[in-house]
PDB file of N, CA and C in Angstrom:
ATOM      1  N   MET A   1       8.713  23.889 -10.283  1.00  0.00           N
ATOM      2  CA  MET A   1       8.504  24.035  -9.372  1.00  0.00           C
ATOM      3  C   MET A   1       9.449  22.850  -7.974  1.00  0.00           C
ATOM      4  N   SER A   2      10.259  23.588  -7.446  1.00  0.00           N
ATOM      5  CA  SER A   2      10.373  22.093  -6.561  1.00  0.00           C
ATOM      6  C   SER A   2      10.252  22.025  -5.243  1.00  0.00           C
ATOM      7  N   ALA A   3      10.292  20.553  -4.305  1.00  0.00           N
ATOM      8  CA  ALA A   3       9.842  20.240  -3.242  1.00  0.00           C
ATOM      9  C   ALA A   3      10.594  20.978  -2.105  1.00  0.00           C
ATOM     10  N   PRO A   4       9.397  21.331  -0.363  1.00  0.00           N
ATOM     11  CA  PRO A   4       9.861  22.061   0.429  1.00  0.00           C
ATOM     12  C   PRO A   4      11.108  21.512   1.011  1.00  0.00           C
ATOM     13  N   THR A   5      11.812  22.393   1.700  1.00  0.00           N
ATOM     14  CA  THR A   5      13.158  21.732   2.435  1.00  0.00           C
ATOM     15  C   THR A   5      12.826  21.281   3.912  1.00  0.00           C
ATOM     16  N   ASP A   6      11.537  22.343   4.065  1.00  0.00           N
ATOM     17  CA  ASP A   6      11.354  22.024   6.054  1.00  0.00           C
ATOM     18  C   ASP A   6      10.288  20.587   5.644  1.00  0.00           C
ATOM     19  N   PRO A   7      10.401  20.080   6.465  1.00  0.00           N
ATOM     20  CA  PRO A   7       9.914  18.592   6.647  1.00  0.00           C
ATOM     21  C   PRO A   7       7.921  19.051   7.021  1.00  0.00           C
ATOM     22  N   LEU A   8       8.437  19.678   7.951  1.00  0.00           N
ATOM     23  CA  LEU A   8       6.245  19.767   8.129  1.00  0.00           C
ATOM     24  C   LEU A   8       5.976  20.641   6.557  1.00  0.00           C
ATOM     25  N   ALA A   9       6.788  21.303   6.055  1.00  0.00           N
ATOM     26  CA  ALA A   9       6.186  21.980   4.959  1.00  0.00           C
ATOM     27  C   ALA A   9       5.474  20.201   3.319  1.00  0.00           C
ATOM     28  N   ARG A  10       6.527  19.729   3.885  1.00  0.00           N
ATOM     29  CA  ARG A  10       6.233  18.302   2.634  1.00  0.00           C
ATOM     30  C   ARG A  10       4.946  17.743   4.003  1.00  0.00           C
ATOM     31  N   LEU A  11       4.844  17.324   4.696  1.00  0.00           N
ATOM     32  CA  LEU A  11       3.543  16.655   5.067  1.00  0.00           C
ATOM     33  C   LEU A  11       2.401  17.056   5.495  1.00  0.00           C
ATOM     34  N   ALA A  12       2.468  18.782   4.068  1.00  0.00           N
ATOM     35  CA  ALA A  12       1.182  19.481   3.810  1.00  0.00           C
ATOM     36  C   ALA A  12       0.357  18.729   2.405  1.00  0.00           C
ATOM     37  N   SER A  13       1.477  17.995   1.657  1.00  0.00           N
ATOM     38  CA  SER A  13       1.184  17.134   0.368  1.00  0.00           C
ATOM     39  C   SER A  13      -0.217  15.954   1.131  1.00  0.00           C
ATOM     40  N   PRO A  14      -1.309  16.024   0.138  1.00  0.00           N
ATOM     41  CA  PRO A  14      -1.694  14.454   0.565  1.00  0.00           C
ATOM     42  C   PRO A  14      -0.606  13.070   0.346  1.00  0.00           C
ATOM     43  N   LEU A  15      -1.271  12.641   0.786  1.00  0.00           N
ATOM     44  CA  LEU A  15      -0.398  11.438   1.372  1.00  0.00           C
ATOM     45  C   LEU A  15      -0.750  10.423   0.415  1.00  0.00           C
ATOM     46  N   ILE A  16      -0.783   9.471  -0.624  1.00  0.00           N
ATOM     47  CA  ILE A  16      -1.023   8.538  -1.019  1.00  0.00           C
ATOM     48  C   ILE A  16      -0.827   7.066  -0.398  1.00  0.00           C
ATOM     49  N   VAL A  17      -2.177   6.559  -0.491  1.00  0.00           N
ATOM     50  CA  VAL A  17      -1.692   5.306   0.856  1.00  0.00           C
ATOM     51  C   VAL A  17      -1.824   3.753  -0.044  1.00  0.00           C
ATOM     52  N   SER A  18      -1.089   2.995  -0.376  1.00  0.00           N
ATOM     53  CA  SER A  18      -0.679   1.651  -1.207  1.00  0.00           C
ATOM     54  C   SER A  18      -1.645   0.737  -0.236  1.00  0.00           C
ATOM     55  N   VAL A  19      -3.326   0.164  -1.148  1.00  0.00           N
ATOM     56  CA  VAL A  19      -3.524  -0.391   0.083  1.00  0.00           C
ATOM     57  C   VAL A  19      -3.517  -1.968  -0.834  1.00  0.00           C
ATOM     58  N   GLN A  20      -3.329  -3.081   0.155  1.00  0.00           N
ATOM     59  CA  GLN A  20      -3.083  -4.278  -1.311  1.00  0.00           C
ATOM     60  C   GLN A  20      -2.350  -5.226   0.543  1.00  0.00           C
ATOM     61  N   ALA A  21      -3.014  -6.555   0.127  1.00  0.00           N
ATOM     62  CA  ALA A  21      -2.543  -7.572   0.830  1.00  0.00           C
ATOM     63  C   ALA A  21      -2.336  -9.056  -0.489  1.00  0.00           C
ATOM     64  N   ASP A  22      -0.797  -9.337  -0.140  1.00  0.00           N
ATOM     65  CA  ASP A  22      -0.653 -10.490  -1.236  1.00  0.00           C
ATOM     66  C   ASP A  22      -1.562 -11.712  -0.749  1.00  0.00           C
ATOM     67  N   ASP A  23      -0.984 -12.656  -1.861  1.00  0.00           N
ATOM     68  CA  ASP A  23      -1.914 -13.852  -2.625  1.00  0.00           C
ATOM     69  C   ASP A  23      -2.075 -14.886  -1.226  1.00  0.00           C
ATOM     70  N   GLY A  24      -2.980 -15.288  -0.316  1.00  0.00           N
ATOM     71  CA  GLY A  24      -3.119 -15.965   0.883  1.00  0.00           C
ATOM     72  C   GLY A  24      -2.724 -15.347   2.364  1.00  0.00           C
ATOM     73  N   SER A  25      -2.981 -14.368   1.982  1.00  0.00           N
ATOM     74  CA  SER A  25      -2.839 -13.478   3.450  1.00  0.00           C
ATOM     75  C   SER A  25      -4.831 -13.580   3.947  1.00  0.00           C
ATOM     76  N   PRO A  26      -4.864 -13.234   5.460  1.00  0.00           N
ATOM     77  CA  PRO A  26      -5.935 -13.116   5.787  1.00  0.00           C
ATOM     78  C   PRO A  26      -6.926 -11.825   5.553  1.00  0.00           C
ATOM     79  N   LEU A  27      -5.857 -10.940   5.251  1.00  0.00           N
ATOM     80  CA  LEU A  27      -7.091  -9.869   4.420  1.00  0.00           C
ATOM     81  C   LEU A  27      -6.822 -10.021   3.458  1.00  0.00           C
ATOM     82  N   ARG A  28      -6.991 -11.313   2.512  1.00  0.00           N
ATOM     83  CA  ARG A  28      -7.124 -10.836   1.038  1.00  0.00           C
ATOM     84  C   ARG A  28      -8.477 -11.603   0.718  1.00  0.00           C
ATOM     85  N   ASP A  29      -8.964 -10.272   0.864  1.00  0.00           N
ATOM     86  CA  ASP A  29     -10.443 -10.156   0.798  1.00  0.00           C
ATOM     87  C   ASP A  29     -11.058  -8.892   0.498  1.00  0.00           C
ATOM     88  N   THR A  30     -12.211  -8.253  -1.057  1.00  0.00           N
ATOM     89  CA  THR A  30     -11.902  -6.568  -1.354  1.00  0.00           C
ATOM     90  C   THR A  30     -12.673  -6.474   0.081  1.00  0.00           C
ATOM     91  N   ALA A  31     -13.170  -7.181   0.576  1.00  0.00           N
ATOM     92  CA  ALA A  31     -14.314  -6.374   1.580  1.00  0.00           C
ATOM     93  C   ALA A  31     -12.976  -6.381   2.893  1.00  0.00           C
ATOM     94  N   HIS A  32     -11.610  -6.410   3.559  1.00  0.00           N
ATOM     95  CA  HIS A  32     -11.003  -5.755   3.834  1.00  0.00           C
ATOM     96  C   HIS A  32     -10.260  -4.879   3.644  1.00  0.00           C
ATOM     97  N   ILE A  33     -10.024  -4.861   1.645  1.00  0.00           N
ATOM     98  CA  ILE A  33      -9.627  -4.298   1.342  1.00  0.00           C
ATOM     99  C   ILE A  33     -10.287  -3.159   1.478  1.00  0.00           C
ATOM    100  N   VAL A  34     -11.230  -2.878   1.477  1.00  0.00           N
ATOM    101  CA  VAL A  34     -12.128  -1.700   1.184  1.00  0.00           C
ATOM    102  C   VAL A  34     -11.768  -1.062   2.421  1.00  0.00           C
ATOM    103  N   ALA A  35     -12.423  -1.643   3.675  1.00  0.00           N
ATOM    104  CA  ALA A  35     -12.441  -1.145   4.912  1.00  0.00           C
ATOM    105  C   ALA A  35     -11.789  -0.425   4.779  1.00  0.00           C
ATOM    106  N   LEU A  36      -9.825  -0.788   4.836  1.00  0.00           N
ATOM    107  CA  LEU A  36      -8.714  -0.734   4.902  1.00  0.00           C
ATOM    108  C   LEU A  36      -8.351   0.970   4.254  1.00  0.00           C
ATOM    109  N   ALA A  37      -9.028   0.803   2.325  1.00  0.00           N
ATOM    110  CA  ALA A  37      -8.878   1.532   1.680  1.00  0.00           C
ATOM    111  C   ALA A  37      -9.628   3.382   2.457  1.00  0.00           C
ATOM    112  N   ARG A  38     -11.002   2.732   2.231  1.00  0.00           N
ATOM    113  CA  ARG A  38     -11.878   3.851   3.826  1.00  0.00           C
ATOM    114  C   ARG A  38     -10.988   4.147   4.793  1.00  0.00           C
ATOM    115  N   ALA A  39     -10.734   3.586   5.144  1.00  0.00           N
ATOM    116  CA  ALA A  39      -9.868   3.684   7.196  1.00  0.00           C
ATOM    117  C   ALA A  39      -8.459   4.875   6.680  1.00  0.00           C
ATOM    118  N   ALA A  40      -7.448   4.565   5.477  1.00  0.00           N
ATOM    119  CA  ALA A  40      -6.968   5.078   5.029  1.00  0.00           C
ATOM    120  C   ALA A  40      -7.526   6.843   4.513  1.00  0.00           C
ATOM    121  N   LEU A  41      -8.289   7.026   4.479  1.00  0.00           N
ATOM    122  CA  LEU A  41      -9.136   7.910   3.083  1.00  0.00           C
ATOM    123  C   LEU A  41      -9.977   8.787   4.500  1.00  0.00           C
ATOM    124  N   LEU A  42     -11.033   8.160   5.229  1.00  0.00           N
ATOM    125  CA  LEU A  42     -10.851   8.744   6.652  1.00  0.00           C
ATOM    126  C   LEU A  42     -10.261   9.624   8.244  1.00  0.00           C
ATOM    127  N   GLY A  43      -9.076   8.764   7.208  1.00  0.00           N
ATOM    128  CA  GLY A  43      -7.915   9.607   7.819  1.00  0.00           C
ATOM    129  C   GLY A  43      -7.018  10.120   7.582  1.00  0.00           C
ATOM    130  N   GLY A  44      -7.311  10.850   6.338  1.00  0.00           N
ATOM    131  CA  GLY A  44      -6.352  12.029   5.834  1.00  0.00           C
ATOM    132  C   GLY A  44      -6.118  11.829   4.093  1.00  0.00           C
ATOM    133  N   ALA A  45      -5.106  10.350   4.362  1.00  0.00           N
ATOM    134  CA  ALA A  45      -4.959  10.358   2.668  1.00  0.00           C
ATOM    135  C   ALA A  45      -5.540  10.890   1.161  1.00  0.00           C
ATOM    136  N   GLY A  46      -4.877  11.807   1.136  1.00  0.00           N
ATOM    137  CA  GLY A  46      -4.978  12.323  -0.493  1.00  0.00           C
ATOM    138  C   GLY A  46      -5.716  11.129  -1.332  1.00  0.00           C
ATOM    139  N   GLY A  47      -5.373  10.064  -1.166  1.00  0.00           N
ATOM    140  CA  GLY A  47      -5.906   8.775  -2.290  1.00  0.00           C
ATOM    141  C   GLY A  47      -4.902   7.235  -2.476  1.00  0.00           C
ATOM    142  N   CYS A  48      -6.037   6.362  -2.636  1.00  0.00           N
ATOM    143  CA  CYS A  48      -4.897   5.137  -2.524  1.00  0.00           C
ATOM    144  C   CYS A  48      -4.770   4.669  -3.999  1.00  0.00           C
ATOM    145  N   GLY A  49      -3.693   3.933  -3.541  1.00  0.00           N
ATOM    146  CA  GLY A  49      -3.557   2.995  -5.091  1.00  0.00           C
ATOM    147  C   GLY A  49      -3.571   1.489  -4.386  1.00  0.00           C
ATOM    148  N   CYS A  50      -4.270   0.465  -5.075  1.00  0.00           N
ATOM    149  CA  CYS A  50      -4.053  -1.226  -5.260  1.00  0.00           C
ATOM    150  C   CYS A  50      -4.068  -1.753  -6.481  1.00  0.00           C
ATOM    151  N   ALA A  51      -2.962  -2.542  -6.218  1.00  0.00           N
ATOM    152  CA  ALA A  51      -1.548  -3.831  -6.714  1.00  0.00           C
ATOM    153  C   ALA A  51      -3.336  -4.202  -7.323  1.00  0.00           C
ATOM    154  N   ARG A  52      -4.488  -4.779  -6.868  1.00  0.00           N
ATOM    155  CA  ARG A  52      -5.024  -6.058  -8.052  1.00  0.00           C
ATOM    156  C   ARG A  52      -6.462  -5.532  -9.289  1.00  0.00           C
ATOM    157  N   PRO A  53      -6.399  -5.119  -9.984  1.00  0.00           N
ATOM    158  CA  PRO A  53      -8.048  -4.122 -10.767  1.00  0.00           C
ATOM    159  C   PRO A  53      -9.243  -4.600  -9.970  1.00  0.00           C
ATOM    160  N   ARG A  54      -9.011  -5.872  -9.436  1.00  0.00           N
ATOM    161  CA  ARG A  54     -10.513  -6.456  -9.286  1.00  0.00           C
ATOM    162  C   ARG A  54     -10.507  -5.662  -7.708  1.00  0.00           C
ATOM    163  N   THR A  55      -9.876  -4.381  -7.410  1.00  0.00           N
ATOM    164  CA  THR A  55      -9.976  -4.358  -5.560  1.00  0.00           C
ATOM    165  C   THR A  55      -9.362  -2.423  -6.206  1.00  0.00           C
ATOM    166  N   SER A  56      -9.724  -1.897  -7.571  1.00  0.00           N
ATOM    167  CA  SER A  56      -9.000  -0.451  -7.417  1.00  0.00           C
ATOM    168  C   SER A  56     -10.407   0.307  -7.489  1.00  0.00           C
ATOM    169  N   ALA A  57     -11.543  -0.357  -7.737  1.00  0.00           N
ATOM    170  CA  ALA A  57     -12.515   0.537  -8.038  1.00  0.00           C
ATOM    171  C   ALA A  57     -12.870   1.246  -6.253  1.00  0.00           C
ATOM    172  N   PRO A  58     -12.436   0.592  -4.885  1.00  0.00           N
ATOM    173  CA  PRO A  58     -13.092   1.287  -3.685  1.00  0.00           C
ATOM    174  C   PRO A  58     -12.086   2.489  -3.367  1.00  0.00           C
ATOM    175  N   CYS A  59     -10.524   2.581  -4.015  1.00  0.00           N
ATOM    176  CA  CYS A  59     -10.024   2.846  -3.478  1.00  0.00           C
ATOM    177  C   CYS A  59      -9.781   4.148  -3.682  1.00  0.00           C
ATOM    178  N   ALA A  60     -10.916   4.889  -4.624  1.00  0.00           N
ATOM    179  CA  ALA A  60     -10.681   5.976  -5.226  1.00  0.00           C
ATOM    180  C   ALA A  60     -11.672   7.080  -4.549  1.00  0.00           C
ATOM    181  N   PRO A  61     -11.177   8.179  -3.813  1.00  0.00           N
ATOM    182  CA  PRO A  61     -11.628   8.709  -2.901  1.00  0.00           C
ATOM    183  C   PRO A  61     -13.014   9.809  -3.082  1.00  0.00           C
TER     184      PRO A  61
END
């Protein structure tokens, strides 16, 4: 099955959002990552990906 060629049809697929913060970032805190993941999911994201294993659990829809 090929991807839709219509740009609007491609937007119908769920978006997977990457939620992460680099070491030293003010957002590098599990509570902040959880808040960002929840905001993405509430905004309609189909799922979240997290770079660090210790913060990956809150990213599950």
